[in-house]
Amino acid sequence: HDHDERVLFVISDGQPHACNYGFERAMGHVGDCCSFSRAIYGTKVYGIGIANAFSQEDGEMMYGEGNFIVLKDVTPSIKVMTSFLRKVAVKQ
């Protein structure tokens, strides 16, 4: 099926790392990948941080202002996540 909209949700614990890969370098890379996906493929990319995964500033670096939500704990945050997903869906 062909779809007009492409949406990608990145669910993260906020700890991107590998050998010699982490912190600002990794967050910059996530931001570059999101920008690339938006620019080249027209994909709308949103981040969902689990368990206080990252700060507001780091979220903006990776996903852009207004394109992410950070949850303190998953179970009590279901209403918050549902509200965020609804907000994203309405933007479409």
PDB file of N, CA and C in Angstrom:
ATOM      1  N   HIS A   1       0.827  -1.181   0.000  1.00  0.00           N
ATOM      2  CA  HIS A   1       0.000   0.000   0.000  1.00  0.00           C
ATOM      3  C   HIS A   1       0.873   1.248   0.000  1.00  0.00           C
ATOM      4  N   ASP A   2       0.451   2.221  -0.760  1.00  0.00           N
ATOM      5  CA  ASP A   2       1.121   3.516  -0.733  1.00  0.00           C
ATOM      6  C   ASP A   2       0.447   4.396   0.309  1.00  0.00           C
ATOM      7  N   HIS A   3       1.260   5.082   1.075  1.00  0.00           N
ATOM      8  CA  HIS A   3       0.741   5.967   2.106  1.00  0.00           C
ATOM      9  C   HIS A   3       1.334   7.350   1.899  1.00  0.00           C
ATOM     10  N   ASP A   4       0.527   8.355   2.164  1.00  0.00           N
ATOM     11  CA  ASP A   4       0.983   9.723   2.001  1.00  0.00           C
ATOM     12  C   ASP A   4       1.914  10.163   3.123  1.00  0.00           C
ATOM     13  N   GLU A   5       1.724   9.629   4.316  1.00  0.00           N
ATOM     14  CA  GLU A   5       2.491  10.048   5.480  1.00  0.00           C
ATOM     15  C   GLU A   5       3.385   8.917   5.975  1.00  0.00           C
ATOM     16  N   ARG A   6       4.587   9.277   6.340  1.00  0.00           N
ATOM     17  CA  ARG A   6       5.503   8.332   6.976  1.00  0.00           C
ATOM     18  C   ARG A   6       5.819   8.875   8.351  1.00  0.00           C
ATOM     19  N   VAL A   7       5.616   8.043   9.364  1.00  0.00           N
ATOM     20  CA  VAL A   7       5.868   8.451  10.745  1.00  0.00           C
ATOM     21  C   VAL A   7       6.747   7.395  11.402  1.00  0.00           C
ATOM     22  N   LEU A   8       7.778   7.850  12.101  1.00  0.00           N
ATOM     23  CA  LEU A   8       8.690   6.962  12.808  1.00  0.00           C
ATOM     24  C   LEU A   8       8.742   7.395  14.264  1.00  0.00           C
ATOM     25  N   PHE A   9       8.463   6.465  15.176  1.00  0.00           N
ATOM     26  CA  PHE A   9       8.594   6.709  16.602  1.00  0.00           C
ATOM     27  C   PHE A   9       9.852   5.993  17.083  1.00  0.00           C
ATOM     28  N   VAL A  10      10.742   6.749  17.700  1.00  0.00           N
ATOM     29  CA  VAL A  10      11.970   6.184  18.255  1.00  0.00           C
ATOM     30  C   VAL A  10      11.763   6.092  19.762  1.00  0.00           C
ATOM     31  N   ILE A  11      11.739   4.877  20.283  1.00  0.00           N
ATOM     32  CA  ILE A  11      11.579   4.660  21.717  1.00  0.00           C
ATOM     33  C   ILE A  11      12.961   4.359  22.271  1.00  0.00           C
ATOM     34  N   SER A  12      13.375   5.178  23.249  1.00  0.00           N
ATOM     35  CA  SER A  12      14.764   5.123  23.690  1.00  0.00           C
ATOM     36  C   SER A  12      14.892   5.189  25.207  1.00  0.00           C
ATOM     37  N   ASP A  13      15.943   4.533  25.694  1.00  0.00           N
ATOM     38  CA  ASP A  13      16.294   4.677  27.110  1.00  0.00           C
ATOM     39  C   ASP A  13      17.260   5.845  27.289  1.00  0.00           C
ATOM     40  N   GLY A  14      17.580   6.533  26.204  1.00  0.00           N
ATOM     41  CA  GLY A  14      18.433   7.713  26.256  1.00  0.00           C
ATOM     42  C   GLY A  14      19.900   7.430  26.442  1.00  0.00           C
ATOM     43  N   GLN A  15      20.295   6.198  26.235  1.00  0.00           N
ATOM     44  CA  GLN A  15      21.687   5.823  26.462  1.00  0.00           C
ATOM     45  C   GLN A  15      22.324   5.251  25.193  1.00  0.00           C
ATOM     46  N   PRO A  16      22.359   6.010  24.096  1.00  0.00           N
ATOM     47  CA  PRO A  16      23.002   5.471  22.893  1.00  0.00           C
ATOM     48  C   PRO A  16      24.491   5.293  23.162  1.00  0.00           C
ATOM     49  N   HIS A  17      24.974   4.105  22.934  1.00  0.00           N
ATOM     50  CA  HIS A  17      26.396   3.885  23.156  1.00  0.00           C
ATOM     51  C   HIS A  17      26.883   2.632  22.438  1.00  0.00           C
ATOM     52  N   ALA A  18      28.111   2.664  22.135  1.00  0.00           N
ATOM     53  CA  ALA A  18      28.854   1.545  21.575  1.00  0.00           C
ATOM     54  C   ALA A  18      30.315   1.909  21.794  1.00  0.00           C
ATOM     55  N   CYS A  19      31.204   1.172  21.248  1.00  0.00           N
ATOM     56  CA  CYS A  19      32.622   1.483  21.402  1.00  0.00           C
ATOM     57  C   CYS A  19      32.915   2.860  20.809  1.00  0.00           C
ATOM     58  N   ASN A  20      33.407   3.787  21.628  1.00  0.00           N
ATOM     59  CA  ASN A  20      33.722   5.155  21.212  1.00  0.00           C
ATOM     60  C   ASN A  20      32.508   5.922  20.667  1.00  0.00           C
ATOM     61  N   TYR A  21      31.341   5.617  21.166  1.00  0.00           N
ATOM     62  CA  TYR A  21      30.114   6.257  20.679  1.00  0.00           C
ATOM     63  C   TYR A  21      29.191   6.489  21.867  1.00  0.00           C
ATOM     64  N   GLY A  22      28.914   7.738  22.160  1.00  0.00           N
ATOM     65  CA  GLY A  22      28.015   8.037  23.258  1.00  0.00           C
ATOM     66  C   GLY A  22      27.885   9.525  23.460  1.00  0.00           C
ATOM     67  N   PHE A  23      27.075   9.900  24.408  1.00  0.00           N
ATOM     68  CA  PHE A  23      26.878  11.276  24.838  1.00  0.00           C
ATOM     69  C   PHE A  23      26.587  12.212  23.666  1.00  0.00           C
ATOM     70  N   GLU A  24      27.241  13.385  23.612  1.00  0.00           N
ATOM     71  CA  GLU A  24      26.909  14.387  22.582  1.00  0.00           C
ATOM     72  C   GLU A  24      27.147  13.878  21.168  1.00  0.00           C
ATOM     73  N   ARG A  25      28.184  13.095  20.982  1.00  0.00           N
ATOM     74  CA  ARG A  25      28.459  12.552  19.641  1.00  0.00           C
ATOM     75  C   ARG A  25      27.290  11.677  19.181  1.00  0.00           C
ATOM     76  N   ALA A  26      26.820  10.809  20.063  1.00  0.00           N
ATOM     77  CA  ALA A  26      25.703   9.927  19.715  1.00  0.00           C
ATOM     78  C   ALA A  26      24.411  10.722  19.527  1.00  0.00           C
ATOM     79  N   MET A  27      24.166  11.688  20.424  1.00  0.00           N
ATOM     80  CA  MET A  27      22.946  12.493  20.299  1.00  0.00           C
ATOM     81  C   MET A  27      22.961  13.322  19.020  1.00  0.00           C
ATOM     82  N   GLY A  28      24.116  13.844  18.644  1.00  0.00           N
ATOM     83  CA  GLY A  28      24.242  14.567  17.379  1.00  0.00           C
ATOM     84  C   GLY A  28      23.954  13.664  16.196  1.00  0.00           C
ATOM     85  N   HIS A  29      24.415  12.427  16.285  1.00  0.00           N
ATOM     86  CA  HIS A  29      24.183  11.449  15.219  1.00  0.00           C
ATOM     87  C   HIS A  29      22.692  11.134  15.103  1.00  0.00           C
ATOM     88  N   VAL A  30      22.018  10.944  16.250  1.00  0.00           N
ATOM     89  CA  VAL A  30      20.569  10.714  16.234  1.00  0.00           C
ATOM     90  C   VAL A  30      19.871  11.907  15.569  1.00  0.00           C
ATOM     91  N   GLY A  31      20.274  13.119  15.942  1.00  0.00           N
ATOM     92  CA  GLY A  31      19.698  14.324  15.339  1.00  0.00           C
ATOM     93  C   GLY A  31      19.923  14.378  13.839  1.00  0.00           C
ATOM     94  N   ASP A  32      21.134  14.028  13.398  1.00  0.00           N
ATOM     95  CA  ASP A  32      21.438  14.013  11.962  1.00  0.00           C
ATOM     96  C   ASP A  32      20.572  12.986  11.227  1.00  0.00           C
ATOM     97  N   CYS A  33      20.395  11.809  11.838  1.00  0.00           N
ATOM     98  CA  CYS A  33      19.568  10.770  11.215  1.00  0.00           C
ATOM     99  C   CYS A  33      18.113  11.218  11.110  1.00  0.00           C
ATOM    100  N   CYS A  34      17.611  11.874  12.153  1.00  0.00           N
ATOM    101  CA  CYS A  34      16.235  12.383  12.120  1.00  0.00           C
ATOM    102  C   CYS A  34      16.084  13.442  11.034  1.00  0.00           C
ATOM    103  N   SER A  35      17.038  14.360  10.962  1.00  0.00           N
ATOM    104  CA  SER A  35      16.998  15.420   9.939  1.00  0.00           C
ATOM    105  C   SER A  35      17.061  14.829   8.544  1.00  0.00           C
ATOM    106  N   PHE A  36      17.920  13.844   8.354  1.00  0.00           N
ATOM    107  CA  PHE A  36      18.055  13.175   7.054  1.00  0.00           C
ATOM    108  C   PHE A  36      16.735  12.506   6.669  1.00  0.00           C
ATOM    109  N   SER A  37      16.146  11.761   7.606  1.00  0.00           N
ATOM    110  CA  SER A  37      14.883  11.064   7.321  1.00  0.00           C
ATOM    111  C   SER A  37      13.769  12.042   6.970  1.00  0.00           C
ATOM    112  N   ARG A  38      13.739  13.169   7.668  1.00  0.00           N
ATOM    113  CA  ARG A  38      12.723  14.182   7.380  1.00  0.00           C
ATOM    114  C   ARG A  38      12.945  14.805   6.007  1.00  0.00           C
ATOM    115  N   ALA A  39      14.194  15.173   5.722  1.00  0.00           N
ATOM    116  CA  ALA A  39      14.511  15.887   4.481  1.00  0.00           C
ATOM    117  C   ALA A  39      14.437  14.981   3.245  1.00  0.00           C
ATOM    118  N   ILE A  40      15.001  13.798   3.320  1.00  0.00           N
ATOM    119  CA  ILE A  40      15.101  12.928   2.146  1.00  0.00           C
ATOM    120  C   ILE A  40      13.841  12.098   1.924  1.00  0.00           C
ATOM    121  N   TYR A  41      13.287  11.560   2.999  1.00  0.00           N
ATOM    122  CA  TYR A  41      12.146  10.653   2.865  1.00  0.00           C
ATOM    123  C   TYR A  41      10.817  11.274   3.278  1.00  0.00           C
ATOM    124  N   GLY A  42      10.846  12.475   3.830  1.00  0.00           N
ATOM    125  CA  GLY A  42       9.612  13.114   4.280  1.00  0.00           C
ATOM    126  C   GLY A  42       8.993  12.425   5.488  1.00  0.00           C
ATOM    127  N   THR A  43       9.805  11.705   6.226  1.00  0.00           N
ATOM    128  CA  THR A  43       9.329  10.979   7.403  1.00  0.00           C
ATOM    129  C   THR A  43       9.230  11.925   8.591  1.00  0.00           C
ATOM    130  N   LYS A  44       8.143  11.835   9.298  1.00  0.00           N
ATOM    131  CA  LYS A  44       7.992  12.595  10.530  1.00  0.00           C
ATOM    132  C   LYS A  44       8.542  11.724  11.649  1.00  0.00           C
ATOM    133  N   VAL A  45       9.569  12.218  12.333  1.00  0.00           N
ATOM    134  CA  VAL A  45      10.259  11.430  13.350  1.00  0.00           C
ATOM    135  C   VAL A  45       9.976  12.025  14.729  1.00  0.00           C
ATOM    136  N   TYR A  46       9.562  11.163  15.652  1.00  0.00           N
ATOM    137  CA  TYR A  46       9.263  11.572  17.013  1.00  0.00           C
ATOM    138  C   TYR A  46       9.978  10.650  17.993  1.00  0.00           C
ATOM    139  N   GLY A  47      10.475  11.229  19.074  1.00  0.00           N
ATOM    140  CA  GLY A  47      11.157  10.452  20.093  1.00  0.00           C
ATOM    141  C   GLY A  47      10.301  10.260  21.327  1.00  0.00           C
ATOM    142  N   ILE A  48      10.391   9.076  21.905  1.00  0.00           N
ATOM    143  CA  ILE A  48       9.744   8.771  23.176  1.00  0.00           C
ATOM    144  C   ILE A  48      10.836   8.254  24.095  1.00  0.00           C
ATOM    145  N   GLY A  49      11.166   9.046  25.101  1.00  0.00           N
ATOM    146  CA  GLY A  49      12.194   8.663  26.066  1.00  0.00           C
ATOM    147  C   GLY A  49      11.567   7.972  27.258  1.00  0.00           C
ATOM    148  N   ILE A  50      12.082   6.817  27.604  1.00  0.00           N
ATOM    149  CA  ILE A  50      11.566   6.013  28.704  1.00  0.00           C
ATOM    150  C   ILE A  50      12.412   6.240  29.960  1.00  0.00           C
ATOM    151  N   ALA A  51      11.786   6.343  31.097  1.00  0.00           N
ATOM    152  CA  ALA A  51      12.449   6.436  32.410  1.00  0.00           C
ATOM    153  C   ALA A  51      13.425   7.608  32.475  1.00  0.00           C
ATOM    154  N   ASN A  52      12.900   8.819  32.206  1.00  0.00           N
ATOM    155  CA  ASN A  52      13.727  10.035  32.231  1.00  0.00           C
ATOM    156  C   ASN A  52      14.969   9.894  31.352  1.00  0.00           C
ATOM    157  N   ALA A  53      14.766   9.417  30.150  1.00  0.00           N
ATOM    158  CA  ALA A  53      15.852   9.049  29.251  1.00  0.00           C
ATOM    159  C   ALA A  53      16.821  10.180  28.927  1.00  0.00           C
ATOM    160  N   PHE A  54      16.306  11.399  28.781  1.00  0.00           N
ATOM    161  CA  PHE A  54      17.167  12.506  28.394  1.00  0.00           C
ATOM    162  C   PHE A  54      16.529  13.821  28.812  1.00  0.00           C
ATOM    163  N   SER A  55      17.342  14.859  28.819  1.00  0.00           N
ATOM    164  CA  SER A  55      16.867  16.190  29.215  1.00  0.00           C
ATOM    165  C   SER A  55      16.122  16.858  28.057  1.00  0.00           C
ATOM    166  N   GLN A  56      15.464  17.956  28.367  1.00  0.00           N
ATOM    167  CA  GLN A  56      14.771  18.757  27.349  1.00  0.00           C
ATOM    168  C   GLN A  56      15.762  19.191  26.263  1.00  0.00           C
ATOM    169  N   GLU A  57      16.915  19.692  26.691  1.00  0.00           N
ATOM    170  CA  GLU A  57      17.937  20.156  25.751  1.00  0.00           C
ATOM    171  C   GLU A  57      18.427  19.021  24.853  1.00  0.00           C
ATOM    172  N   ASP A  58      18.681  17.861  25.430  1.00  0.00           N
ATOM    173  CA  ASP A  58      19.150  16.724  24.638  1.00  0.00           C
ATOM    174  C   ASP A  58      18.064  16.241  23.680  1.00  0.00           C
ATOM    175  N   GLY A  59      16.810  16.254  24.135  1.00  0.00           N
ATOM    176  CA  GLY A  59      15.704  15.858  23.268  1.00  0.00           C
ATOM    177  C   GLY A  59      15.580  16.782  22.062  1.00  0.00           C
ATOM    178  N   GLU A  60      15.764  18.075  22.297  1.00  0.00           N
ATOM    179  CA  GLU A  60      15.708  19.025  21.188  1.00  0.00           C
ATOM    180  C   GLU A  60      16.863  18.805  20.222  1.00  0.00           C
ATOM    181  N   MET A  61      18.036  18.447  20.751  1.00  0.00           N
ATOM    182  CA  MET A  61      19.192  18.168  19.883  1.00  0.00           C
ATOM    183  C   MET A  61      18.923  16.954  18.994  1.00  0.00           C
ATOM    184  N   MET A  62      18.299  15.939  19.574  1.00  0.00           N
ATOM    185  CA  MET A  62      18.077  14.701  18.823  1.00  0.00           C
ATOM    186  C   MET A  62      16.851  14.757  17.914  1.00  0.00           C
ATOM    187  N   TYR A  63      15.719  15.259  18.433  1.00  0.00           N
ATOM    188  CA  TYR A  63      14.455  15.150  17.708  1.00  0.00           C
ATOM    189  C   TYR A  63      13.861  16.474  17.262  1.00  0.00           C
ATOM    190  N   GLY A  64      14.343  17.571  17.822  1.00  0.00           N
ATOM    191  CA  GLY A  64      13.807  18.876  17.486  1.00  0.00           C
ATOM    192  C   GLY A  64      12.691  19.270  18.442  1.00  0.00           C
ATOM    193  N   GLU A  65      12.520  20.548  18.603  1.00  0.00           N
ATOM    194  CA  GLU A  65      11.528  21.087  19.534  1.00  0.00           C
ATOM    195  C   GLU A  65      10.123  20.588  19.199  1.00  0.00           C
ATOM    196  N   GLY A  66       9.440  20.078  20.209  1.00  0.00           N
ATOM    197  CA  GLY A  66       8.065  19.614  20.035  1.00  0.00           C
ATOM    198  C   GLY A  66       7.926  18.232  19.422  1.00  0.00           C
ATOM    199  N   ASN A  67       9.048  17.563  19.156  1.00  0.00           N
ATOM    200  CA  ASN A  67       9.006  16.266  18.478  1.00  0.00           C
ATOM    201  C   ASN A  67       9.352  15.102  19.394  1.00  0.00           C
ATOM    202  N   PHE A  68       9.217  15.289  20.701  1.00  0.00           N
ATOM    203  CA  PHE A  68       9.550  14.204  21.616  1.00  0.00           C
ATOM    204  C   PHE A  68       8.800  14.377  22.926  1.00  0.00           C
ATOM    205  N   ILE A  69       8.792  13.301  23.679  1.00  0.00           N
ATOM    206  CA  ILE A  69       8.227  13.300  25.020  1.00  0.00           C
ATOM    207  C   ILE A  69       9.128  12.418  25.882  1.00  0.00           C
ATOM    208  N   VAL A  70       9.283  12.790  27.142  1.00  0.00           N
ATOM    209  CA  VAL A  70      10.079  12.001  28.070  1.00  0.00           C
ATOM    210  C   VAL A  70       9.154  11.532  29.192  1.00  0.00           C
ATOM    211  N   LEU A  71       9.122  10.233  29.395  1.00  0.00           N
ATOM    212  CA  LEU A  71       8.270   9.636  30.401  1.00  0.00           C
ATOM    213  C   LEU A  71       9.090   9.265  31.626  1.00  0.00           C
ATOM    214  N   LYS A  72       8.564   9.549  32.810  1.00  0.00           N
ATOM    215  CA  LYS A  72       9.268   9.199  34.048  1.00  0.00           C
ATOM    216  C   LYS A  72       9.256   7.687  34.249  1.00  0.00           C
ATOM    217  N   ASP A  73       8.095   7.085  34.066  1.00  0.00           N
ATOM    218  CA  ASP A  73       7.926   5.653  34.239  1.00  0.00           C
ATOM    219  C   ASP A  73       6.846   5.223  33.252  1.00  0.00           C
ATOM    220  N   VAL A  74       6.985   4.071  32.666  1.00  0.00           N
ATOM    221  CA  VAL A  74       6.093   3.680  31.581  1.00  0.00           C
ATOM    222  C   VAL A  74       4.649   3.495  32.035  1.00  0.00           C
ATOM    223  N   THR A  75       4.394   2.664  32.998  1.00  0.00           N
ATOM    224  CA  THR A  75       3.014   2.346  33.376  1.00  0.00           C
ATOM    225  C   THR A  75       2.211   3.574  33.782  1.00  0.00           C
ATOM    226  N   PRO A  76       2.703   4.409  34.711  1.00  0.00           N
ATOM    227  CA  PRO A  76       1.917   5.589  35.068  1.00  0.00           C
ATOM    228  C   PRO A  76       1.847   6.643  33.955  1.00  0.00           C
ATOM    229  N   SER A  77       2.676   6.509  32.944  1.00  0.00           N
ATOM    230  CA  SER A  77       2.746   7.516  31.890  1.00  0.00           C
ATOM    231  C   SER A  77       1.920   7.177  30.665  1.00  0.00           C
ATOM    232  N   ILE A  78       1.143   6.127  30.722  1.00  0.00           N
ATOM    233  CA  ILE A  78       0.376   5.716  29.544  1.00  0.00           C
ATOM    234  C   ILE A  78      -0.555   6.828  29.073  1.00  0.00           C
ATOM    235  N   LYS A  79      -1.196   7.542  29.992  1.00  0.00           N
ATOM    236  CA  LYS A  79      -2.086   8.643  29.599  1.00  0.00           C
ATOM    237  C   LYS A  79      -1.303   9.759  28.920  1.00  0.00           C
ATOM    238  N   VAL A  80      -0.109  10.049  29.424  1.00  0.00           N
ATOM    239  CA  VAL A  80       0.730  11.094  28.826  1.00  0.00           C
ATOM    240  C   VAL A  80       1.149  10.670  27.421  1.00  0.00           C
ATOM    241  N   MET A  81       1.563   9.416  27.263  1.00  0.00           N
ATOM    242  CA  MET A  81       1.986   8.929  25.951  1.00  0.00           C
ATOM    243  C   MET A  81       0.806   8.927  24.984  1.00  0.00           C
ATOM    244  N   THR A  82      -0.358   8.522  25.446  1.00  0.00           N
ATOM    245  CA  THR A  82      -1.547   8.521  24.594  1.00  0.00           C
ATOM    246  C   THR A  82      -1.872   9.936  24.126  1.00  0.00           C
ATOM    247  N   SER A  83      -1.763  10.884  25.021  1.00  0.00           N
ATOM    248  CA  SER A  83      -2.007  12.282  24.671  1.00  0.00           C
ATOM    249  C   SER A  83      -1.006  12.758  23.613  1.00  0.00           C
ATOM    250  N   PHE A  84       0.275  12.391  23.783  1.00  0.00           N
ATOM    251  CA  PHE A  84       1.307  12.762  22.820  1.00  0.00           C
ATOM    252  C   PHE A  84       1.015  12.139  21.448  1.00  0.00           C
ATOM    253  N   LEU A  85       0.672  10.864  21.430  1.00  0.00           N
ATOM    254  CA  LEU A  85       0.374  10.188  20.155  1.00  0.00           C
ATOM    255  C   LEU A  85      -0.837  10.813  19.479  1.00  0.00           C
ATOM    256  N   ARG A  86      -1.830  11.178  20.269  1.00  0.00           N
ATOM    257  CA  ARG A  86      -3.026  11.844  19.722  1.00  0.00           C
ATOM    258  C   ARG A  86      -2.632  13.195  19.095  1.00  0.00           C
ATOM    259  N   LYS A  87      -1.768  13.937  19.799  1.00  0.00           N
ATOM    260  CA  LYS A  87      -1.298  15.232  19.304  1.00  0.00           C
ATOM    261  C   LYS A  87      -0.562  15.073  17.971  1.00  0.00           C
ATOM    262  N   VAL A  88       0.270  14.042  17.885  1.00  0.00           N
ATOM    263  CA  VAL A  88       0.996  13.768  16.638  1.00  0.00           C
ATOM    264  C   VAL A  88       0.022  13.399  15.527  1.00  0.00           C
ATOM    265  N   ALA A  89      -0.943  12.556  15.836  1.00  0.00           N
ATOM    266  CA  ALA A  89      -1.912  12.107  14.823  1.00  0.00           C
ATOM    267  C   ALA A  89      -2.728  13.277  14.295  1.00  0.00           C
ATOM    268  N   VAL A  90      -3.080  14.214  15.160  1.00  0.00           N
ATOM    269  CA  VAL A  90      -3.871  15.380  14.746  1.00  0.00           C
ATOM    270  C   VAL A  90      -3.045  16.276  13.825  1.00  0.00           C
ATOM    271  N   LYS A  91      -1.723  16.336  14.030  1.00  0.00           N
ATOM    272  CA  LYS A  91      -0.841  17.121  13.164  1.00  0.00           C
ATOM    273  C   LYS A  91      -0.864  16.611  11.732  1.00  0.00           C
ATOM    274  N   GLN A  92      -1.117  15.321  11.572  1.00  0.00           N
ATOM    275  CA  GLN A  92      -1.074  14.686  10.256  1.00  0.00           C
ATOM    276  C   GLN A  92      -2.140  15.286   9.423  1.00  0.00           C
TER     277      GLN A  92
END
